[in-house]
Amino acid sequence: MPRFFFNIRRDGRLLPDVDGALHHDRAAAIDEAVEGAREVVSAWVKAGDPVDAGGVVVTDEDGAIVGEVRFRDVVRTE
């Protein structure tokens, strides 16, 4: 199984995920990124903080970006 990394883009910086996680494929990794982004946004909302314009940048073992989930895209506003 390939390893994917879930790097956090926040305030113009990229915070690297040094451990990563094993997933069957890219789609499964993106699904995890969506769930992780929802958890981060939920914590911000509970704390009364604004939702950051950043997101989760998913990379493969070679460092290639395979997807990105923006924090604002996981918030339903309607």
PDB file of N, CA and C in Angstrom:
ATOM      1  N   MET A   1       0.843  -1.180   0.000  1.00  0.00           N
ATOM      2  CA  MET A   1       0.000   0.000   0.000  1.00  0.00           C
ATOM      3  C   MET A   1       0.889   1.244   0.000  1.00  0.00           C
ATOM      4  N   PRO A   2       0.507   2.235  -0.793  1.00  0.00           N
ATOM      5  CA  PRO A   2       1.309   3.462  -0.818  1.00  0.00           C
ATOM      6  C   PRO A   2       1.068   4.343   0.415  1.00  0.00           C
ATOM      7  N   ARG A   3       2.075   5.128   0.751  1.00  0.00           N
ATOM      8  CA  ARG A   3       1.997   6.066   1.875  1.00  0.00           C
ATOM      9  C   ARG A   3       1.702   7.461   1.323  1.00  0.00           C
ATOM     10  N   PHE A   4       0.770   8.145   1.979  1.00  0.00           N
ATOM     11  CA  PHE A   4       0.412   9.516   1.625  1.00  0.00           C
ATOM     12  C   PHE A   4       0.666  10.411   2.831  1.00  0.00           C
ATOM     13  N   PHE A   5       0.949  11.673   2.559  1.00  0.00           N
ATOM     14  CA  PHE A   5       1.254  12.638   3.603  1.00  0.00           C
ATOM     15  C   PHE A   5       0.229  13.762   3.554  1.00  0.00           C
ATOM     16  N   PHE A   6      -0.195  14.212   4.736  1.00  0.00           N
ATOM     17  CA  PHE A   6      -1.268  15.197   4.870  1.00  0.00           C
ATOM     18  C   PHE A   6      -0.672  16.469   5.474  1.00  0.00           C
ATOM     19  N   ASN A   7      -0.155  17.310   4.606  1.00  0.00           N
ATOM     20  CA  ASN A   7       0.526  18.538   4.998  1.00  0.00           C
ATOM     21  C   ASN A   7      -0.493  19.659   5.163  1.00  0.00           C
ATOM     22  N   ILE A   8      -0.332  20.460   6.197  1.00  0.00           N
ATOM     23  CA  ILE A   8      -1.297  21.529   6.482  1.00  0.00           C
ATOM     24  C   ILE A   8      -0.760  22.856   5.950  1.00  0.00           C
ATOM     25  N   ARG A   9      -1.575  23.483   5.092  1.00  0.00           N
ATOM     26  CA  ARG A   9      -1.246  24.826   4.608  1.00  0.00           C
ATOM     27  C   ARG A   9      -2.042  25.813   5.464  1.00  0.00           C
ATOM     28  N   ARG A  10      -1.308  26.680   6.175  1.00  0.00           N
ATOM     29  CA  ARG A  10      -1.970  27.649   7.056  1.00  0.00           C
ATOM     30  C   ARG A  10      -1.126  28.906   7.156  1.00  0.00           C
ATOM     31  N   ASP A  11      -1.773  30.057   7.047  1.00  0.00           N
ATOM     32  CA  ASP A  11      -1.101  31.347   7.167  1.00  0.00           C
ATOM     33  C   ASP A  11       0.090  31.451   6.211  1.00  0.00           C
ATOM     34  N   GLY A  12      -0.074  30.918   5.013  1.00  0.00           N
ATOM     35  CA  GLY A  12       0.977  31.024   4.003  1.00  0.00           C
ATOM     36  C   GLY A  12       2.145  30.073   4.200  1.00  0.00           C
ATOM     37  N   ARG A  13       2.055  29.183   5.185  1.00  0.00           N
ATOM     38  CA  ARG A  13       3.137  28.219   5.440  1.00  0.00           C
ATOM     39  C   ARG A  13       2.617  26.804   5.248  1.00  0.00           C
ATOM     40  N   LEU A  14       3.535  25.907   4.940  1.00  0.00           N
ATOM     41  CA  LEU A  14       3.179  24.507   4.805  1.00  0.00           C
ATOM     42  C   LEU A  14       3.814  23.733   5.950  1.00  0.00           C
ATOM     43  N   LEU A  15       2.966  23.139   6.787  1.00  0.00           N
ATOM     44  CA  LEU A  15       3.428  22.344   7.918  1.00  0.00           C
ATOM     45  C   LEU A  15       3.456  20.885   7.482  1.00  0.00           C
ATOM     46  N   PRO A  16       4.652  20.304   7.361  1.00  0.00           N
ATOM     47  CA  PRO A  16       4.743  18.953   6.794  1.00  0.00           C
ATOM     48  C   PRO A  16       4.284  17.857   7.746  1.00  0.00           C
ATOM     49  N   ASP A  17       3.683  16.855   7.169  1.00  0.00           N
ATOM     50  CA  ASP A  17       3.331  15.623   7.867  1.00  0.00           C
ATOM     51  C   ASP A  17       4.529  14.692   7.679  1.00  0.00           C
ATOM     52  N   VAL A  18       5.218  14.374   8.739  1.00  0.00           N
ATOM     53  CA  VAL A  18       6.431  13.558   8.608  1.00  0.00           C
ATOM     54  C   VAL A  18       6.146  12.063   8.679  1.00  0.00           C
ATOM     55  N   ASP A  19       4.969  11.678   9.162  1.00  0.00           N
ATOM     56  CA  ASP A  19       4.645  10.261   9.312  1.00  0.00           C
ATOM     57  C   ASP A  19       3.853   9.694   8.141  1.00  0.00           C
ATOM     58  N   GLY A  20       2.847  10.431   7.711  1.00  0.00           N
ATOM     59  CA  GLY A  20       1.987   9.940   6.640  1.00  0.00           C
ATOM     60  C   GLY A  20       1.119   8.785   7.110  1.00  0.00           C
ATOM     61  N   ALA A  21       0.391   8.218   6.165  1.00  0.00           N
ATOM     62  CA  ALA A  21      -0.487   7.084   6.449  1.00  0.00           C
ATOM     63  C   ALA A  21      -0.627   6.240   5.194  1.00  0.00           C
ATOM     64  N   LEU A  22      -0.813   4.948   5.399  1.00  0.00           N
ATOM     65  CA  LEU A  22      -0.988   4.028   4.280  1.00  0.00           C
ATOM     66  C   LEU A  22      -2.447   4.011   3.840  1.00  0.00           C
ATOM     67  N   HIS A  23      -2.642   4.081   2.524  1.00  0.00           N
ATOM     68  CA  HIS A  23      -3.991   4.012   1.948  1.00  0.00           C
ATOM     69  C   HIS A  23      -3.949   3.182   0.676  1.00  0.00           C
ATOM     70  N   HIS A  24      -5.072   2.590   0.344  1.00  0.00           N
ATOM     71  CA  HIS A  24      -5.146   1.765  -0.862  1.00  0.00           C
ATOM     72  C   HIS A  24      -4.873   2.559  -2.127  1.00  0.00           C
ATOM     73  N   ASP A  25      -5.362   3.792  -2.161  1.00  0.00           N
ATOM     74  CA  ASP A  25      -5.186   4.597  -3.367  1.00  0.00           C
ATOM     75  C   ASP A  25      -5.367   6.080  -3.059  1.00  0.00           C
ATOM     76  N   ARG A  26      -5.219   6.885  -4.087  1.00  0.00           N
ATOM     77  CA  ARG A  26      -5.325   8.344  -3.961  1.00  0.00           C
ATOM     78  C   ARG A  26      -6.704   8.759  -3.442  1.00  0.00           C
ATOM     79  N   ALA A  27      -7.754   8.123  -3.933  1.00  0.00           N
ATOM     80  CA  ALA A  27      -9.112   8.474  -3.511  1.00  0.00           C
ATOM     81  C   ALA A  27      -9.292   8.281  -2.010  1.00  0.00           C
ATOM     82  N   ALA A  28      -8.762   7.201  -1.472  1.00  0.00           N
ATOM     83  CA  ALA A  28      -8.867   6.956  -0.030  1.00  0.00           C
ATOM     84  C   ALA A  28      -8.094   8.012   0.755  1.00  0.00           C
ATOM     85  N   ALA A  29      -6.950   8.426   0.231  1.00  0.00           N
ATOM     86  CA  ALA A  29      -6.160   9.465   0.893  1.00  0.00           C
ATOM     87  C   ALA A  29      -6.904  10.800   0.885  1.00  0.00           C
ATOM     88  N   ILE A  30      -7.549  11.129  -0.222  1.00  0.00           N
ATOM     89  CA  ILE A  30      -8.317  12.375  -0.304  1.00  0.00           C
ATOM     90  C   ILE A  30      -9.492  12.323   0.668  1.00  0.00           C
ATOM     91  N   ASP A  31     -10.145  11.171   0.771  1.00  0.00           N
ATOM     92  CA  ASP A  31     -11.246  11.023   1.736  1.00  0.00           C
ATOM     93  C   ASP A  31     -10.753  11.313   3.155  1.00  0.00           C
ATOM     94  N   GLU A  32      -9.575  10.808   3.506  1.00  0.00           N
ATOM     95  CA  GLU A  32      -9.030  11.082   4.833  1.00  0.00           C
ATOM     96  C   GLU A  32      -8.716  12.574   5.001  1.00  0.00           C
ATOM     97  N   ALA A  33      -8.224  13.206   3.939  1.00  0.00           N
ATOM     98  CA  ALA A  33      -7.927  14.643   3.999  1.00  0.00           C
ATOM     99  C   ALA A  33      -9.197  15.447   4.256  1.00  0.00           C
ATOM    100  N   VAL A  34     -10.300  15.067   3.636  1.00  0.00           N
ATOM    101  CA  VAL A  34     -11.576  15.753   3.850  1.00  0.00           C
ATOM    102  C   VAL A  34     -12.005  15.601   5.310  1.00  0.00           C
ATOM    103  N   GLU A  35     -11.927  14.387   5.844  1.00  0.00           N
ATOM    104  CA  GLU A  35     -12.312  14.166   7.243  1.00  0.00           C
ATOM    105  C   GLU A  35     -11.404  14.946   8.193  1.00  0.00           C
ATOM    106  N   GLY A  36     -10.109  14.948   7.916  1.00  0.00           N
ATOM    107  CA  GLY A  36      -9.174  15.702   8.749  1.00  0.00           C
ATOM    108  C   GLY A  36      -9.446  17.197   8.711  1.00  0.00           C
ATOM    109  N   ALA A  37      -9.738  17.710   7.518  1.00  0.00           N
ATOM    110  CA  ALA A  37     -10.045  19.133   7.377  1.00  0.00           C
ATOM    111  C   ALA A  37     -11.310  19.490   8.153  1.00  0.00           C
ATOM    112  N   ARG A  38     -12.304  18.619   8.124  1.00  0.00           N
ATOM    113  CA  ARG A  38     -13.537  18.862   8.883  1.00  0.00           C
ATOM    114  C   ARG A  38     -13.261  18.905  10.379  1.00  0.00           C
ATOM    115  N   GLU A  39     -12.377  18.047  10.859  1.00  0.00           N
ATOM    116  CA  GLU A  39     -12.036  18.046  12.282  1.00  0.00           C
ATOM    117  C   GLU A  39     -11.335  19.343  12.678  1.00  0.00           C
ATOM    118  N   VAL A  40     -10.421  19.806  11.836  1.00  0.00           N
ATOM    119  CA  VAL A  40      -9.705  21.062  12.111  1.00  0.00           C
ATOM    120  C   VAL A  40     -10.680  22.237  12.132  1.00  0.00           C
ATOM    121  N   VAL A  41     -11.532  22.306  11.121  1.00  0.00           N
ATOM    122  CA  VAL A  41     -12.499  23.401  11.043  1.00  0.00           C
ATOM    123  C   VAL A  41     -13.455  23.349  12.224  1.00  0.00           C
ATOM    124  N   SER A  42     -13.887  22.163  12.618  1.00  0.00           N
ATOM    125  CA  SER A  42     -14.780  22.019  13.761  1.00  0.00           C
ATOM    126  C   SER A  42     -14.149  22.590  15.025  1.00  0.00           C
ATOM    127  N   ALA A  43     -12.886  22.301  15.233  1.00  0.00           N
ATOM    128  CA  ALA A  43     -12.190  22.829  16.422  1.00  0.00           C
ATOM    129  C   ALA A  43     -12.124  24.345  16.374  1.00  0.00           C
ATOM    130  N   TRP A  44     -11.875  24.913  15.195  1.00  0.00           N
ATOM    131  CA  TRP A  44     -11.822  26.372  15.076  1.00  0.00           C
ATOM    132  C   TRP A  44     -13.187  26.993  15.373  1.00  0.00           C
ATOM    133  N   VAL A  45     -14.243  26.393  14.837  1.00  0.00           N
ATOM    134  CA  VAL A  45     -15.590  26.925  15.054  1.00  0.00           C
ATOM    135  C   VAL A  45     -15.943  26.864  16.537  1.00  0.00           C
ATOM    136  N   LYS A  46     -15.645  25.744  17.195  1.00  0.00           N
ATOM    137  CA  LYS A  46     -15.923  25.614  18.623  1.00  0.00           C
ATOM    138  C   LYS A  46     -15.168  26.645  19.451  1.00  0.00           C
ATOM    139  N   ALA A  47     -13.970  27.002  18.997  1.00  0.00           N
ATOM    140  CA  ALA A  47     -13.151  27.985  19.715  1.00  0.00           C
ATOM    141  C   ALA A  47     -13.508  29.418  19.332  1.00  0.00           C
ATOM    142  N   GLY A  48     -14.400  29.576  18.350  1.00  0.00           N
ATOM    143  CA  GLY A  48     -14.773  30.916  17.901  1.00  0.00           C
ATOM    144  C   GLY A  48     -13.750  31.555  16.982  1.00  0.00           C
ATOM    145  N   ASP A  49     -12.840  30.747  16.431  1.00  0.00           N
ATOM    146  CA  ASP A  49     -11.815  31.251  15.524  1.00  0.00           C
ATOM    147  C   ASP A  49     -12.341  31.270  14.093  1.00  0.00           C
ATOM    148  N   PRO A  50     -11.790  32.160  13.252  1.00  0.00           N
ATOM    149  CA  PRO A  50     -12.209  32.167  11.848  1.00  0.00           C
ATOM    150  C   PRO A  50     -11.665  30.942  11.115  1.00  0.00           C
ATOM    151  N   VAL A  51     -12.380  30.542  10.068  1.00  0.00           N
ATOM    152  CA  VAL A  51     -11.915  29.426   9.247  1.00  0.00           C
ATOM    153  C   VAL A  51     -10.807  29.937   8.346  1.00  0.00           C
ATOM    154  N   ASP A  52      -9.660  29.326   8.443  1.00  0.00           N
ATOM    155  CA  ASP A  52      -8.463  29.713   7.697  1.00  0.00           C
ATOM    156  C   ASP A  52      -8.645  29.419   6.208  1.00  0.00           C
ATOM    157  N   ALA A  53      -7.974  30.177   5.377  1.00  0.00           N
ATOM    158  CA  ALA A  53      -8.056  29.987   3.924  1.00  0.00           C
ATOM    159  C   ALA A  53      -7.163  28.847   3.442  1.00  0.00           C
ATOM    160  N   GLY A  54      -6.427  28.202   4.323  1.00  0.00           N
ATOM    161  CA  GLY A  54      -5.512  27.126   3.940  1.00  0.00           C
ATOM    162  C   GLY A  54      -6.221  25.823   3.702  1.00  0.00           C
ATOM    163  N   GLY A  55      -5.498  24.740   3.899  1.00  0.00           N
ATOM    164  CA  GLY A  55      -6.088  23.438   3.684  1.00  0.00           C
ATOM    165  C   GLY A  55      -5.099  22.320   3.915  1.00  0.00           C
ATOM    166  N   VAL A  56      -5.484  21.144   3.460  1.00  0.00           N
ATOM    167  CA  VAL A  56      -4.651  19.957   3.571  1.00  0.00           C
ATOM    168  C   VAL A  56      -4.113  19.631   2.182  1.00  0.00           C
ATOM    169  N   VAL A  57      -2.793  19.587   2.061  1.00  0.00           N
ATOM    170  CA  VAL A  57      -2.145  19.237   0.801  1.00  0.00           C
ATOM    171  C   VAL A  57      -1.674  17.791   0.911  1.00  0.00           C
ATOM    172  N   VAL A  58      -2.224  16.937   0.076  1.00  0.00           N
ATOM    173  CA  VAL A  58      -1.893  15.520   0.107  1.00  0.00           C
ATOM    174  C   VAL A  58      -0.784  15.249  -0.906  1.00  0.00           C
ATOM    175  N   THR A  59       0.294  14.622  -0.411  1.00  0.00           N
ATOM    176  CA  THR A  59       1.398  14.267  -1.297  1.00  0.00           C
ATOM    177  C   THR A  59       1.662  12.774  -1.219  1.00  0.00           C
ATOM    178  N   ASP A  60       2.324  12.261  -2.258  1.00  0.00           N
ATOM    179  CA  ASP A  60       2.690  10.849  -2.246  1.00  0.00           C
ATOM    180  C   ASP A  60       4.102  10.687  -1.689  1.00  0.00           C
ATOM    181  N   GLU A  61       4.610   9.486  -1.731  1.00  0.00           N
ATOM    182  CA  GLU A  61       5.930   9.194  -1.158  1.00  0.00           C
ATOM    183  C   GLU A  61       7.058   9.935  -1.862  1.00  0.00           C
ATOM    184  N   ASP A  62       6.823  10.342  -3.105  1.00  0.00           N
ATOM    185  CA  ASP A  62       7.830  11.087  -3.862  1.00  0.00           C
ATOM    186  C   ASP A  62       7.719  12.589  -3.661  1.00  0.00           C
ATOM    187  N   GLY A  63       6.723  13.022  -2.891  1.00  0.00           N
ATOM    188  CA  GLY A  63       6.524  14.439  -2.644  1.00  0.00           C
ATOM    189  C   GLY A  63       5.639  15.132  -3.661  1.00  0.00           C
ATOM    190  N   ALA A  64       5.100  14.386  -4.611  1.00  0.00           N
ATOM    191  CA  ALA A  64       4.205  14.959  -5.616  1.00  0.00           C
ATOM    192  C   ALA A  64       2.830  15.215  -5.000  1.00  0.00           C
ATOM    193  N   ILE A  65       2.259  16.357  -5.308  1.00  0.00           N
ATOM    194  CA  ILE A  65       0.919  16.689  -4.815  1.00  0.00           C
ATOM    195  C   ILE A  65      -0.103  15.858  -5.583  1.00  0.00           C
ATOM    196  N   VAL A  66      -0.921  15.124  -4.838  1.00  0.00           N
ATOM    197  CA  VAL A  66      -1.961  14.302  -5.464  1.00  0.00           C
ATOM    198  C   VAL A  66      -3.351  14.871  -5.221  1.00  0.00           C
ATOM    199  N   GLY A  67      -3.449  15.880  -4.371  1.00  0.00           N
ATOM    200  CA  GLY A  67      -4.731  16.524  -4.122  1.00  0.00           C
ATOM    201  C   GLY A  67      -4.615  17.557  -3.030  1.00  0.00           C
ATOM    202  N   GLU A  68      -5.616  18.443  -2.978  1.00  0.00           N
ATOM    203  CA  GLU A  68      -5.653  19.456  -1.935  1.00  0.00           C
ATOM    204  C   GLU A  68      -7.098  19.685  -1.536  1.00  0.00           C
ATOM    205  N   VAL A  69      -7.308  19.770  -0.232  1.00  0.00           N
ATOM    206  CA  VAL A  69      -8.642  20.016   0.311  1.00  0.00           C
ATOM    207  C   VAL A  69      -8.582  21.328   1.071  1.00  0.00           C
ATOM    208  N   ARG A  70      -9.297  22.333   0.581  1.00  0.00           N
ATOM    209  CA  ARG A  70      -9.304  23.623   1.270  1.00  0.00           C
ATOM    210  C   ARG A  70     -10.263  23.565   2.445  1.00  0.00           C
ATOM    211  N   PHE A  71      -9.853  24.209   3.537  1.00  0.00           N
ATOM    212  CA  PHE A  71     -10.697  24.205   4.735  1.00  0.00           C
ATOM    213  C   PHE A  71     -12.082  24.767   4.435  1.00  0.00           C
ATOM    214  N   ARG A  72     -12.151  25.826   3.673  1.00  0.00           N
ATOM    215  CA  ARG A  72     -13.448  26.448   3.383  1.00  0.00           C
ATOM    216  C   ARG A  72     -14.354  25.569   2.547  1.00  0.00           C
ATOM    217  N   ASP A  73     -13.767  24.614   1.823  1.00  0.00           N
ATOM    218  CA  ASP A  73     -14.582  23.731   0.979  1.00  0.00           C
ATOM    219  C   ASP A  73     -15.287  22.624   1.761  1.00  0.00           C
ATOM    220  N   VAL A  74     -14.897  22.416   3.017  1.00  0.00           N
ATOM    221  CA  VAL A  74     -15.536  21.358   3.809  1.00  0.00           C
ATOM    222  C   VAL A  74     -16.595  21.918   4.748  1.00  0.00           C
ATOM    223  N   VAL A  75     -16.869  23.211   4.629  1.00  0.00           N
ATOM    224  CA  VAL A  75     -17.872  23.856   5.469  1.00  0.00           C
ATOM    225  C   VAL A  75     -19.119  24.104   4.637  1.00  0.00           C
ATOM    226  N   ARG A  76     -20.220  23.573   5.100  1.00  0.00           N
ATOM    227  CA  ARG A  76     -21.493  23.810   4.415  1.00  0.00           C
ATOM    228  C   ARG A  76     -22.097  25.087   4.970  1.00  0.00           C
ATOM    229  N   THR A  77     -22.362  26.050   4.103  1.00  0.00           N
ATOM    230  CA  THR A  77     -22.877  27.345   4.568  1.00  0.00           C
ATOM    231  C   THR A  77     -24.353  27.528   4.230  1.00  0.00           C
ATOM    232  N   GLU A  78     -24.960  26.595   3.582  1.00  0.00           N
ATOM    233  CA  GLU A  78     -26.386  26.720   3.251  1.00  0.00           C
ATOM    234  C   GLU A  78     -27.150  25.513   3.715  1.00  0.00           C
TER     235      GLU A  78
END
